[in-house]
Amino acid sequence: CRQALRTAAGPEVDFARAEREHQLYVGVLRGKLGLQVLELPADES
């Protein structure tokens, strides 16, 4: 939210919403399309 690189200044990322959108994205790959999804853990650094 605060430290990711960005090409231009702008509004801060809403983490909860970003996480929901990402979970839906992963859910499509795994659930709707049947791919074997390998999910790496987040690294705060």
ModelCIF file with pLDDT and N, C-alpha, C, O atoms, coordinates in Angstrom:
data_MODEL
#
_entry.id   MODEL 
#
_entity.id                         1 
_entity.type                       polymer 
_entity.pdbx_number_of_molecules   1 
#
_entity_poly.entity_id                      1 
_entity_poly.type                           'polypeptide(L)' 
_entity_poly.nstd_linkage                   no 
_entity_poly.nstd_monomer                   no 
_entity_poly.pdbx_seq_one_letter_code       CRQALRTAAGPEVDFARAEREHQLYVGVLRGKLGLQVLELPADES 
_entity_poly.pdbx_seq_one_letter_code_can   CRQALRTAAGPEVDFARAEREHQLYVGVLRGKLGLQVLELPADES 
_entity_poly.pdbx_strand_id                 A 
#
loop_
_entity_poly_seq.entity_id 
_entity_poly_seq.num 
_entity_poly_seq.mon_id 
_entity_poly_seq.hetero 
1 1  CYS n 
1 2  ARG n 
1 3  GLN n 
1 4  ALA n 
1 5  LEU n 
1 6  ARG n 
1 7  THR n 
1 8  ALA n 
1 9  ALA n 
1 10 GLY n 
1 11 PRO n 
1 12 GLU n 
1 13 VAL n 
1 14 ASP n 
1 15 PHE n 
1 16 ALA n 
1 17 ARG n 
1 18 ALA n 
1 19 GLU n 
1 20 ARG n 
1 21 GLU n 
1 22 HIS n 
1 23 GLN n 
1 24 LEU n 
1 25 TYR n 
1 26 VAL n 
1 27 GLY n 
1 28 VAL n 
1 29 LEU n 
1 30 ARG n 
1 31 GLY n 
1 32 LYS n 
1 33 LEU n 
1 34 GLY n 
1 35 LEU n 
1 36 GLN n 
1 37 VAL n 
1 38 LEU n 
1 39 GLU n 
1 40 LEU n 
1 41 PRO n 
1 42 ALA n 
1 43 ASP n 
1 44 GLU n 
1 45 SER n 
#
_struct_asym.id          A 
_struct_asym.entity_id   1 
#
loop_
_ma_qa_metric.id 
_ma_qa_metric.mode 
_ma_qa_metric.name 
_ma_qa_metric.software_group_id 
_ma_qa_metric.type 
1 global pLDDT . pLDDT 
2 local  pLDDT . pLDDT 
#
_ma_qa_metric_global.metric_id      1 
_ma_qa_metric_global.metric_value   96.16 
_ma_qa_metric_global.model_id       1 
_ma_qa_metric_global.ordinal_id     1 
#
loop_
_ma_qa_metric_local.label_asym_id 
_ma_qa_metric_local.label_comp_id 
_ma_qa_metric_local.label_seq_id 
_ma_qa_metric_local.metric_id 
_ma_qa_metric_local.metric_value 
_ma_qa_metric_local.model_id 
_ma_qa_metric_local.ordinal_id 
A CYS 1  2 96.00 1 1  
A ARG 2  2 92.00 1 2  
A GLN 3  2 95.00 1 3  
A ALA 4  2 95.00 1 4  
A LEU 5  2 93.00 1 5  
A ARG 6  2 91.00 1 6  
A THR 7  2 88.00 1 7  
A ALA 8  2 88.00 1 8  
A ALA 9  2 86.00 1 9  
A GLY 10 2 89.00 1 10 
A PRO 11 2 92.00 1 11 
A GLU 12 2 94.00 1 12 
A VAL 13 2 97.00 1 13 
A ASP 14 2 98.00 1 14 
A PHE 15 2 98.00 1 15 
A ALA 16 2 98.00 1 16 
A ARG 17 2 98.00 1 17 
A ALA 18 2 98.00 1 18 
A GLU 19 2 98.00 1 19 
A ARG 20 2 98.00 1 20 
A GLU 21 2 98.00 1 21 
A HIS 22 2 98.00 1 22 
A GLN 23 2 98.00 1 23 
A LEU 24 2 98.00 1 24 
A TYR 25 2 98.00 1 25 
A VAL 26 2 98.00 1 26 
A GLY 27 2 98.00 1 27 
A VAL 28 2 98.00 1 28 
A LEU 29 2 98.00 1 29 
A ARG 30 2 98.00 1 30 
A GLY 31 2 97.00 1 31 
A LYS 32 2 97.00 1 32 
A LEU 33 2 97.00 1 33 
A GLY 34 2 97.00 1 34 
A LEU 35 2 97.00 1 35 
A GLN 36 2 98.00 1 36 
A VAL 37 2 98.00 1 37 
A LEU 38 2 98.00 1 38 
A GLU 39 2 98.00 1 39 
A LEU 40 2 98.00 1 40 
A PRO 41 2 98.00 1 41 
A ALA 42 2 98.00 1 42 
A ASP 43 2 98.00 1 43 
A GLU 44 2 98.00 1 44 
A SER 45 2 98.00 1 45 
#
loop_
_atom_site.group_PDB 
_atom_site.id 
_atom_site.type_symbol 
_atom_site.label_atom_id 
_atom_site.label_alt_id 
_atom_site.label_comp_id 
_atom_site.label_asym_id 
_atom_site.label_entity_id 
_atom_site.label_seq_id 
_atom_site.pdbx_PDB_ins_code 
_atom_site.Cartn_x 
_atom_site.Cartn_y 
_atom_site.Cartn_z 
_atom_site.occupancy 
_atom_site.B_iso_or_equiv 
_atom_site.pdbx_formal_charge 
_atom_site.auth_seq_id 
_atom_site.auth_comp_id 
_atom_site.auth_asym_id 
_atom_site.auth_atom_id 
_atom_site.pdbx_PDB_model_num 
ATOM 1   N N  . CYS A 1 1  ? 0.814   -1.221  0.000   1.00 96.00 ? 1  CYS A N  1 
ATOM 2   C CA . CYS A 1 1  ? 0.000   0.000   0.000   1.00 96.00 ? 1  CYS A CA 1 
ATOM 3   C C  . CYS A 1 1  ? 0.846   1.270   0.000   1.00 96.00 ? 1  CYS A C  1 
ATOM 4   O O  . CYS A 1 1  ? 0.534   2.223   -0.714  1.00 96.00 ? 1  CYS A O  1 
ATOM 5   N N  . ARG A 1 2  ? 1.904   1.288   0.787   1.00 92.00 ? 2  ARG A N  1 
ATOM 6   C CA . ARG A 1 2  ? 2.704   2.505   0.923   1.00 92.00 ? 2  ARG A CA 1 
ATOM 7   C C  . ARG A 1 2  ? 4.067   2.426   0.237   1.00 92.00 ? 2  ARG A C  1 
ATOM 8   O O  . ARG A 1 2  ? 4.668   3.451   -0.084  1.00 92.00 ? 2  ARG A O  1 
ATOM 9   N N  . GLN A 1 3  ? 4.549   1.201   0.014   1.00 95.00 ? 3  GLN A N  1 
ATOM 10  C CA . GLN A 1 3  ? 5.936   1.071   -0.451  1.00 95.00 ? 3  GLN A CA 1 
ATOM 11  C C  . GLN A 1 3  ? 6.102   0.521   -1.867  1.00 95.00 ? 3  GLN A C  1 
ATOM 12  O O  . GLN A 1 3  ? 7.213   0.526   -2.398  1.00 95.00 ? 3  GLN A O  1 
ATOM 13  N N  . ALA A 1 4  ? 5.022   0.049   -2.485  1.00 95.00 ? 4  ALA A N  1 
ATOM 14  C CA . ALA A 1 4  ? 5.154   -0.475  -3.849  1.00 95.00 ? 4  ALA A CA 1 
ATOM 15  C C  . ALA A 1 4  ? 5.610   0.630   -4.791  1.00 95.00 ? 4  ALA A C  1 
ATOM 16  O O  . ALA A 1 4  ? 5.247   1.794   -4.622  1.00 95.00 ? 4  ALA A O  1 
ATOM 17  N N  . LEU A 1 5  ? 6.400   0.257   -5.773  1.00 93.00 ? 5  LEU A N  1 
ATOM 18  C CA . LEU A 1 5  ? 6.843   1.213   -6.786  1.00 93.00 ? 5  LEU A CA 1 
ATOM 19  C C  . LEU A 1 5  ? 5.649   1.680   -7.609  1.00 93.00 ? 5  LEU A C  1 
ATOM 20  O O  . LEU A 1 5  ? 4.724   0.908   -7.862  1.00 93.00 ? 5  LEU A O  1 
ATOM 21  N N  . ARG A 1 6  ? 5.670   2.930   -8.020  1.00 91.00 ? 6  ARG A N  1 
ATOM 22  C CA . ARG A 1 6  ? 4.591   3.439   -8.882  1.00 91.00 ? 6  ARG A CA 1 
ATOM 23  C C  . ARG A 1 6  ? 5.151   4.518   -9.785  1.00 91.00 ? 6  ARG A C  1 
ATOM 24  O O  . ARG A 1 6  ? 6.035   5.279   -9.392  1.00 91.00 ? 6  ARG A O  1 
ATOM 25  N N  . THR A 1 7  ? 4.627   4.577   -11.003 1.00 88.00 ? 7  THR A N  1 
ATOM 26  C CA . THR A 1 7  ? 5.159   5.535   -11.976 1.00 88.00 ? 7  THR A CA 1 
ATOM 27  C C  . THR A 1 7  ? 4.659   6.947   -11.706 1.00 88.00 ? 7  THR A C  1 
ATOM 28  O O  . THR A 1 7  ? 5.278   7.920   -12.135 1.00 88.00 ? 7  THR A O  1 
ATOM 29  N N  . ALA A 1 8  ? 3.532   7.060   -10.991 1.00 88.00 ? 8  ALA A N  1 
ATOM 30  C CA . ALA A 1 8  ? 2.982   8.387   -10.705 1.00 88.00 ? 8  ALA A CA 1 
ATOM 31  C C  . ALA A 1 8  ? 2.302   8.371   -9.347  1.00 88.00 ? 8  ALA A C  1 
ATOM 32  O O  . ALA A 1 8  ? 1.745   7.356   -8.929  1.00 88.00 ? 8  ALA A O  1 
ATOM 33  N N  . ALA A 1 9  ? 2.353   9.506   -8.665  1.00 86.00 ? 9  ALA A N  1 
ATOM 34  C CA . ALA A 1 9  ? 1.667   9.620   -7.385  1.00 86.00 ? 9  ALA A CA 1 
ATOM 35  C C  . ALA A 1 9  ? 0.157   9.511   -7.601  1.00 86.00 ? 9  ALA A C  1 
ATOM 36  O O  . ALA A 1 9  ? -0.358  9.875   -8.659  1.00 86.00 ? 9  ALA A O  1 
ATOM 37  N N  . GLY A 1 10 ? -0.542  9.006   -6.585  1.00 89.00 ? 10 GLY A N  1 
ATOM 38  C CA . GLY A 1 10 ? -1.984  8.854   -6.719  1.00 89.00 ? 10 GLY A CA 1 
ATOM 39  C C  . GLY A 1 10 ? -2.576  8.347   -5.430  1.00 89.00 ? 10 GLY A C  1 
ATOM 40  O O  . GLY A 1 10 ? -1.893  8.307   -4.407  1.00 89.00 ? 10 GLY A O  1 
ATOM 41  N N  . PRO A 1 11 ? -3.835  7.959   -5.460  1.00 92.00 ? 11 PRO A N  1 
ATOM 42  C CA . PRO A 1 11 ? -4.497  7.492   -4.237  1.00 92.00 ? 11 PRO A CA 1 
ATOM 43  C C  . PRO A 1 11 ? -3.860  6.221   -3.693  1.00 92.00 ? 11 PRO A C  1 
ATOM 44  O O  . PRO A 1 11 ? -3.332  5.398   -4.440  1.00 92.00 ? 11 PRO A O  1 
ATOM 45  N N  . GLU A 1 12 ? -3.923  6.083   -2.371  1.00 94.00 ? 12 GLU A N  1 
ATOM 46  C CA . GLU A 1 12 ? -3.352  4.903   -1.729  1.00 94.00 ? 12 GLU A CA 1 
ATOM 47  C C  . GLU A 1 12 ? -4.203  3.677   -2.024  1.00 94.00 ? 12 GLU A C  1 
ATOM 48  O O  . GLU A 1 12 ? -5.421  3.773   -2.177  1.00 94.00 ? 12 GLU A O  1 
ATOM 49  N N  . VAL A 1 13 ? -3.556  2.537   -2.102  1.00 97.00 ? 13 VAL A N  1 
ATOM 50  C CA . VAL A 1 13 ? -4.245  1.272   -2.332  1.00 97.00 ? 13 VAL A CA 1 
ATOM 51  C C  . VAL A 1 13 ? -5.081  0.913   -1.104  1.00 97.00 ? 13 VAL A C  1 
ATOM 52  O O  . VAL A 1 13 ? -4.590  0.969   0.024   1.00 97.00 ? 13 VAL A O  1 
ATOM 53  N N  . ASP A 1 14 ? -6.324  0.552   -1.320  1.00 98.00 ? 14 ASP A N  1 
ATOM 54  C CA . ASP A 1 14 ? -7.194  0.011   -0.269  1.00 98.00 ? 14 ASP A CA 1 
ATOM 55  C C  . ASP A 1 14 ? -6.854  -1.465  -0.148  1.00 98.00 ? 14 ASP A C  1 
ATOM 56  O O  . ASP A 1 14 ? -7.236  -2.268  -0.999  1.00 98.00 ? 14 ASP A O  1 
ATOM 57  N N  . PHE A 1 15 ? -6.132  -1.825  0.915   1.00 98.00 ? 15 PHE A N  1 
ATOM 58  C CA . PHE A 1 15 ? -5.594  -3.185  1.011   1.00 98.00 ? 15 PHE A CA 1 
ATOM 59  C C  . PHE A 1 15 ? -6.698  -4.236  1.048   1.00 98.00 ? 15 PHE A C  1 
ATOM 60  O O  . PHE A 1 15 ? -6.596  -5.258  0.369   1.00 98.00 ? 15 PHE A O  1 
ATOM 61  N N  . ALA A 1 16 ? -7.737  -4.006  1.819   1.00 98.00 ? 16 ALA A N  1 
ATOM 62  C CA . ALA A 1 16 ? -8.814  -5.001  1.932   1.00 98.00 ? 16 ALA A CA 1 
ATOM 63  C C  . ALA A 1 16 ? -9.468  -5.240  0.571   1.00 98.00 ? 16 ALA A C  1 
ATOM 64  O O  . ALA A 1 16 ? -9.767  -6.378  0.209   1.00 98.00 ? 16 ALA A O  1 
ATOM 65  N N  . ARG A 1 17 ? -9.684  -4.171  -0.171  1.00 98.00 ? 17 ARG A N  1 
ATOM 66  C CA . ARG A 1 17 ? -10.307 -4.318  -1.491  1.00 98.00 ? 17 ARG A CA 1 
ATOM 67  C C  . ARG A 1 17 ? -9.343  -4.988  -2.471  1.00 98.00 ? 17 ARG A C  1 
ATOM 68  O O  . ARG A 1 17 ? -9.745  -5.824  -3.280  1.00 98.00 ? 17 ARG A O  1 
ATOM 69  N N  . ALA A 1 18 ? -8.065  -4.608  -2.387  1.00 98.00 ? 18 ALA A N  1 
ATOM 70  C CA . ALA A 1 18 ? -7.068  -5.235  -3.261  1.00 98.00 ? 18 ALA A CA 1 
ATOM 71  C C  . ALA A 1 18 ? -7.001  -6.737  -3.006  1.00 98.00 ? 18 ALA A C  1 
ATOM 72  O O  . ALA A 1 18 ? -6.891  -7.532  -3.940  1.00 98.00 ? 18 ALA A O  1 
ATOM 73  N N  . GLU A 1 19 ? -7.069  -7.112  -1.740  1.00 98.00 ? 19 GLU A N  1 
ATOM 74  C CA . GLU A 1 19 ? -7.013  -8.529  -1.391  1.00 98.00 ? 19 GLU A CA 1 
ATOM 75  C C  . GLU A 1 19 ? -8.236  -9.270  -1.919  1.00 98.00 ? 19 GLU A C  1 
ATOM 76  O O  . GLU A 1 19 ? -8.122  -10.388 -2.421  1.00 98.00 ? 19 GLU A O  1 
ATOM 77  N N  . ARG A 1 20 ? -9.408  -8.644  -1.803  1.00 98.00 ? 20 ARG A N  1 
ATOM 78  C CA . ARG A 1 20 ? -10.636 -9.270  -2.335  1.00 98.00 ? 20 ARG A CA 1 
ATOM 79  C C  . ARG A 1 20 ? -10.539 -9.454  -3.846  1.00 98.00 ? 20 ARG A C  1 
ATOM 80  O O  . ARG A 1 20 ? -10.885 -10.511 -4.374  1.00 98.00 ? 20 ARG A O  1 
ATOM 81  N N  . GLU A 1 21 ? -10.065 -8.416  -4.537  1.00 98.00 ? 21 GLU A N  1 
ATOM 82  C CA . GLU A 1 21 ? -9.945  -8.519  -5.997  1.00 98.00 ? 21 GLU A CA 1 
ATOM 83  C C  . GLU A 1 21 ? -8.954  -9.615  -6.376  1.00 98.00 ? 21 GLU A C  1 
ATOM 84  O O  . GLU A 1 21 ? -9.190  -10.374 -7.316  1.00 98.00 ? 21 GLU A O  1 
ATOM 85  N N  . HIS A 1 22 ? -7.850  -9.694  -5.645  1.00 98.00 ? 22 HIS A N  1 
ATOM 86  C CA . HIS A 1 22 ? -6.842  -10.711 -5.954  1.00 98.00 ? 22 HIS A CA 1 
ATOM 87  C C  . HIS A 1 22 ? -7.364  -12.115 -5.671  1.00 98.00 ? 22 HIS A C  1 
ATOM 88  O O  . HIS A 1 22 ? -7.094  -13.049 -6.427  1.00 98.00 ? 22 HIS A O  1 
ATOM 89  N N  . GLN A 1 23 ? -8.111  -12.260 -4.583  1.00 98.00 ? 23 GLN A N  1 
ATOM 90  C CA . GLN A 1 23 ? -8.689  -13.575 -4.262  1.00 98.00 ? 23 GLN A CA 1 
ATOM 91  C C  . GLN A 1 23 ? -9.685  -14.016 -5.326  1.00 98.00 ? 23 GLN A C  1 
ATOM 92  O O  . GLN A 1 23 ? -9.767  -15.201 -5.649  1.00 98.00 ? 23 GLN A O  1 
ATOM 93  N N  . LEU A 1 24 ? -10.437 -13.074 -5.869  1.00 98.00 ? 24 LEU A N  1 
ATOM 94  C CA . LEU A 1 24 ? -11.359 -13.413 -6.958  1.00 98.00 ? 24 LEU A CA 1 
ATOM 95  C C  . LEU A 1 24 ? -10.589 -13.847 -8.202  1.00 98.00 ? 24 LEU A C  1 
ATOM 96  O O  . LEU A 1 24 ? -10.982 -14.793 -8.885  1.00 98.00 ? 24 LEU A O  1 
ATOM 97  N N  . TYR A 1 25 ? -9.508  -13.161 -8.486  1.00 98.00 ? 25 TYR A N  1 
ATOM 98  C CA . TYR A 1 25 ? -8.634  -13.490 -9.625  1.00 98.00 ? 25 TYR A CA 1 
ATOM 99  C C  . TYR A 1 25 ? -8.082  -14.907 -9.475  1.00 98.00 ? 25 TYR A C  1 
ATOM 100 O O  . TYR A 1 25 ? -8.149  -15.709 -10.407 1.00 98.00 ? 25 TYR A O  1 
ATOM 101 N N  . VAL A 1 26 ? -7.538  -15.207 -8.299  1.00 98.00 ? 26 VAL A N  1 
ATOM 102 C CA . VAL A 1 26 ? -6.995  -16.540 -8.043  1.00 98.00 ? 26 VAL A CA 1 
ATOM 103 C C  . VAL A 1 26 ? -8.112  -17.581 -8.084  1.00 98.00 ? 26 VAL A C  1 
ATOM 104 O O  . VAL A 1 26 ? -7.919  -18.695 -8.573  1.00 98.00 ? 26 VAL A O  1 
ATOM 105 N N  . GLY A 1 27 ? -9.274  -17.206 -7.567  1.00 98.00 ? 27 GLY A N  1 
ATOM 106 C CA . GLY A 1 27 ? -10.414 -18.118 -7.578  1.00 98.00 ? 27 GLY A CA 1 
ATOM 107 C C  . GLY A 1 27 ? -10.870 -18.491 -8.973  1.00 98.00 ? 27 GLY A C  1 
ATOM 108 O O  . GLY A 1 27 ? -11.296 -19.622 -9.206  1.00 98.00 ? 27 GLY A O  1 
ATOM 109 N N  . VAL A 1 28 ? -10.784 -17.546 -9.908  1.00 98.00 ? 28 VAL A N  1 
ATOM 110 C CA . VAL A 1 28 ? -11.131 -17.848 -11.303 1.00 98.00 ? 28 VAL A CA 1 
ATOM 111 C C  . VAL A 1 28 ? -10.152 -18.870 -11.873 1.00 98.00 ? 28 VAL A C  1 
ATOM 112 O O  . VAL A 1 28 ? -10.557 -19.837 -12.518 1.00 98.00 ? 28 VAL A O  1 
ATOM 113 N N  . LEU A 1 29 ? -8.870  -18.649 -11.632 1.00 98.00 ? 29 LEU A N  1 
ATOM 114 C CA . LEU A 1 29 ? -7.862  -19.569 -12.167 1.00 98.00 ? 29 LEU A CA 1 
ATOM 115 C C  . LEU A 1 29 ? -8.044  -20.977 -11.598 1.00 98.00 ? 29 LEU A C  1 
ATOM 116 O O  . LEU A 1 29 ? -7.967  -21.967 -12.327 1.00 98.00 ? 29 LEU A O  1 
ATOM 117 N N  . ARG A 1 30 ? -8.284  -21.053 -10.299 1.00 98.00 ? 30 ARG A N  1 
ATOM 118 C CA . ARG A 1 30 ? -8.372  -22.357 -9.642  1.00 98.00 ? 30 ARG A CA 1 
ATOM 119 C C  . ARG A 1 30 ? -9.761  -22.985 -9.805  1.00 98.00 ? 30 ARG A C  1 
ATOM 120 O O  . ARG A 1 30 ? -9.887  -24.134 -10.227 1.00 98.00 ? 30 ARG A O  1 
ATOM 121 N N  . GLY A 1 31 ? -10.786 -22.224 -9.470  1.00 97.00 ? 31 GLY A N  1 
ATOM 122 C CA . GLY A 1 31 ? -12.137 -22.784 -9.407  1.00 97.00 ? 31 GLY A CA 1 
ATOM 123 C C  . GLY A 1 31 ? -12.836 -22.856 -10.748 1.00 97.00 ? 31 GLY A C  1 
ATOM 124 O O  . GLY A 1 31 ? -13.353 -23.906 -11.131 1.00 97.00 ? 31 GLY A O  1 
ATOM 125 N N  . LYS A 1 32 ? -12.853 -21.740 -11.466 1.00 97.00 ? 32 LYS A N  1 
ATOM 126 C CA . LYS A 1 32 ? -13.602 -21.700 -12.727 1.00 97.00 ? 32 LYS A CA 1 
ATOM 127 C C  . LYS A 1 32 ? -12.854 -22.379 -13.869 1.00 97.00 ? 32 LYS A C  1 
ATOM 128 O O  . LYS A 1 32 ? -13.469 -22.998 -14.737 1.00 97.00 ? 32 LYS A O  1 
ATOM 129 N N  . LEU A 1 33 ? -11.512 -22.262 -13.870 1.00 97.00 ? 33 LEU A N  1 
ATOM 130 C CA . LEU A 1 33 ? -10.730 -22.790 -14.990 1.00 97.00 ? 33 LEU A CA 1 
ATOM 131 C C  . LEU A 1 33 ? -10.003 -24.092 -14.658 1.00 97.00 ? 33 LEU A C  1 
ATOM 132 O O  . LEU A 1 33 ? -9.474  -24.748 -15.556 1.00 97.00 ? 33 LEU A O  1 
ATOM 133 N N  . GLY A 1 34 ? -9.970  -24.471 -13.386 1.00 97.00 ? 34 GLY A N  1 
ATOM 134 C CA . GLY A 1 34 ? -9.428  -25.777 -13.008 1.00 97.00 ? 34 GLY A CA 1 
ATOM 135 C C  . GLY A 1 34 ? -7.914  -25.894 -13.071 1.00 97.00 ? 34 GLY A C  1 
ATOM 136 O O  . GLY A 1 34 ? -7.381  -26.999 -13.176 1.00 97.00 ? 34 GLY A O  1 
ATOM 137 N N  . LEU A 1 35 ? -7.211  -24.754 -13.006 1.00 97.00 ? 35 LEU A N  1 
ATOM 138 C CA . LEU A 1 35 ? -5.748  -24.820 -13.014 1.00 97.00 ? 35 LEU A CA 1 
ATOM 139 C C  . LEU A 1 35 ? -5.237  -25.239 -11.633 1.00 97.00 ? 35 LEU A C  1 
ATOM 140 O O  . LEU A 1 35 ? -5.891  -25.009 -10.616 1.00 97.00 ? 35 LEU A O  1 
ATOM 141 N N  . GLN A 1 36 ? -4.062  -25.855 -11.622 1.00 98.00 ? 36 GLN A N  1 
ATOM 142 C CA . GLN A 1 36 ? -3.386  -26.120 -10.359 1.00 98.00 ? 36 GLN A CA 1 
ATOM 143 C C  . GLN A 1 36 ? -2.640  -24.842 -9.975  1.00 98.00 ? 36 GLN A C  1 
ATOM 144 O O  . GLN A 1 36 ? -1.667  -24.455 -10.622 1.00 98.00 ? 36 GLN A O  1 
ATOM 145 N N  . VAL A 1 37 ? -3.112  -24.205 -8.920  1.00 98.00 ? 37 VAL A N  1 
ATOM 146 C CA . VAL A 1 37 ? -2.567  -22.912 -8.518  1.00 98.00 ? 37 VAL A CA 1 
ATOM 147 C C  . VAL A 1 37 ? -1.579  -23.098 -7.373  1.00 98.00 ? 37 VAL A C  1 
ATOM 148 O O  . VAL A 1 37 ? -1.908  -23.680 -6.340  1.00 98.00 ? 37 VAL A O  1 
ATOM 149 N N  . LEU A 1 38 ? -0.376  -22.601 -7.571  1.00 98.00 ? 38 LEU A N  1 
ATOM 150 C CA . LEU A 1 38 ? 0.668   -22.623 -6.546  1.00 98.00 ? 38 LEU A CA 1 
ATOM 151 C C  . LEU A 1 38 ? 0.787   -21.206 -6.002  1.00 98.00 ? 38 LEU A C  1 
ATOM 152 O O  . LEU A 1 38 ? 1.214   -20.299 -6.715  1.00 98.00 ? 38 LEU A O  1 
ATOM 153 N N  . GLU A 1 39 ? 0.409   -21.014 -4.737  1.00 98.00 ? 39 GLU A N  1 
ATOM 154 C CA . GLU A 1 39 ? 0.369   -19.672 -4.169  1.00 98.00 ? 39 GLU A CA 1 
ATOM 155 C C  . GLU A 1 39 ? 1.526   -19.467 -3.205  1.00 98.00 ? 39 GLU A C  1 
ATOM 156 O O  . GLU A 1 39 ? 1.624   -20.129 -2.172  1.00 98.00 ? 39 GLU A O  1 
ATOM 157 N N  . LEU A 1 40 ? 2.397   -18.539 -3.565  1.00 98.00 ? 40 LEU A N  1 
ATOM 158 C CA . LEU A 1 40 ? 3.530   -18.204 -2.707  1.00 98.00 ? 40 LEU A CA 1 
ATOM 159 C C  . LEU A 1 40 ? 3.068   -17.251 -1.608  1.00 98.00 ? 40 LEU A C  1 
ATOM 160 O O  . LEU A 1 40 ? 2.154   -16.455 -1.822  1.00 98.00 ? 40 LEU A O  1 
ATOM 161 N N  . PRO A 1 41 ? 3.693   -17.327 -0.441  1.00 98.00 ? 41 PRO A N  1 
ATOM 162 C CA . PRO A 1 41 ? 3.315   -16.405 0.641   1.00 98.00 ? 41 PRO A CA 1 
ATOM 163 C C  . PRO A 1 41 ? 3.812   -14.995 0.370   1.00 98.00 ? 41 PRO A C  1 
ATOM 164 O O  . PRO A 1 41 ? 4.795   -14.792 -0.343  1.00 98.00 ? 41 PRO A O  1 
ATOM 165 N N  . ALA A 1 42 ? 3.119   -14.026 0.948   1.00 98.00 ? 42 ALA A N  1 
ATOM 166 C CA . ALA A 1 42 ? 3.561   -12.639 0.843   1.00 98.00 ? 42 ALA A CA 1 
ATOM 167 C C  . ALA A 1 42 ? 4.872   -12.453 1.591   1.00 98.00 ? 42 ALA A C  1 
ATOM 168 O O  . ALA A 1 42 ? 5.166   -13.174 2.544   1.00 98.00 ? 42 ALA A O  1 
ATOM 169 N N  . ASP A 1 43 ? 5.648   -11.485 1.151   1.00 98.00 ? 43 ASP A N  1 
ATOM 170 C CA . ASP A 1 43 ? 6.889   -11.127 1.832   1.00 98.00 ? 43 ASP A CA 1 
ATOM 171 C C  . ASP A 1 43 ? 6.846   -9.617  2.063   1.00 98.00 ? 43 ASP A C  1 
ATOM 172 O O  . ASP A 1 43 ? 6.927   -8.837  1.114   1.00 98.00 ? 43 ASP A O  1 
ATOM 173 N N  . GLU A 1 44 ? 6.718   -9.212  3.319   1.00 98.00 ? 44 GLU A N  1 
ATOM 174 C CA . GLU A 1 44 ? 6.570   -7.788  3.632   1.00 98.00 ? 44 GLU A CA 1 
ATOM 175 C C  . GLU A 1 44 ? 7.803   -6.969  3.224   1.00 98.00 ? 44 GLU A C  1 
ATOM 176 O O  . GLU A 1 44 ? 7.704   -5.756  3.036   1.00 98.00 ? 44 GLU A O  1 
ATOM 177 N N  . SER A 1 45 ? 8.948   -7.616  3.087   1.00 98.00 ? 45 SER A N  1 
ATOM 178 C CA . SER A 1 45 ? 10.150  -6.894  2.671   1.00 98.00 ? 45 SER A CA 1 
ATOM 179 C C  . SER A 1 45 ? 10.196  -6.673  1.161   1.00 98.00 ? 45 SER A C  1 
ATOM 180 O O  . SER A 1 45 ? 11.147  -6.079  0.653   1.00 98.00 ? 45 SER A O  1 
#
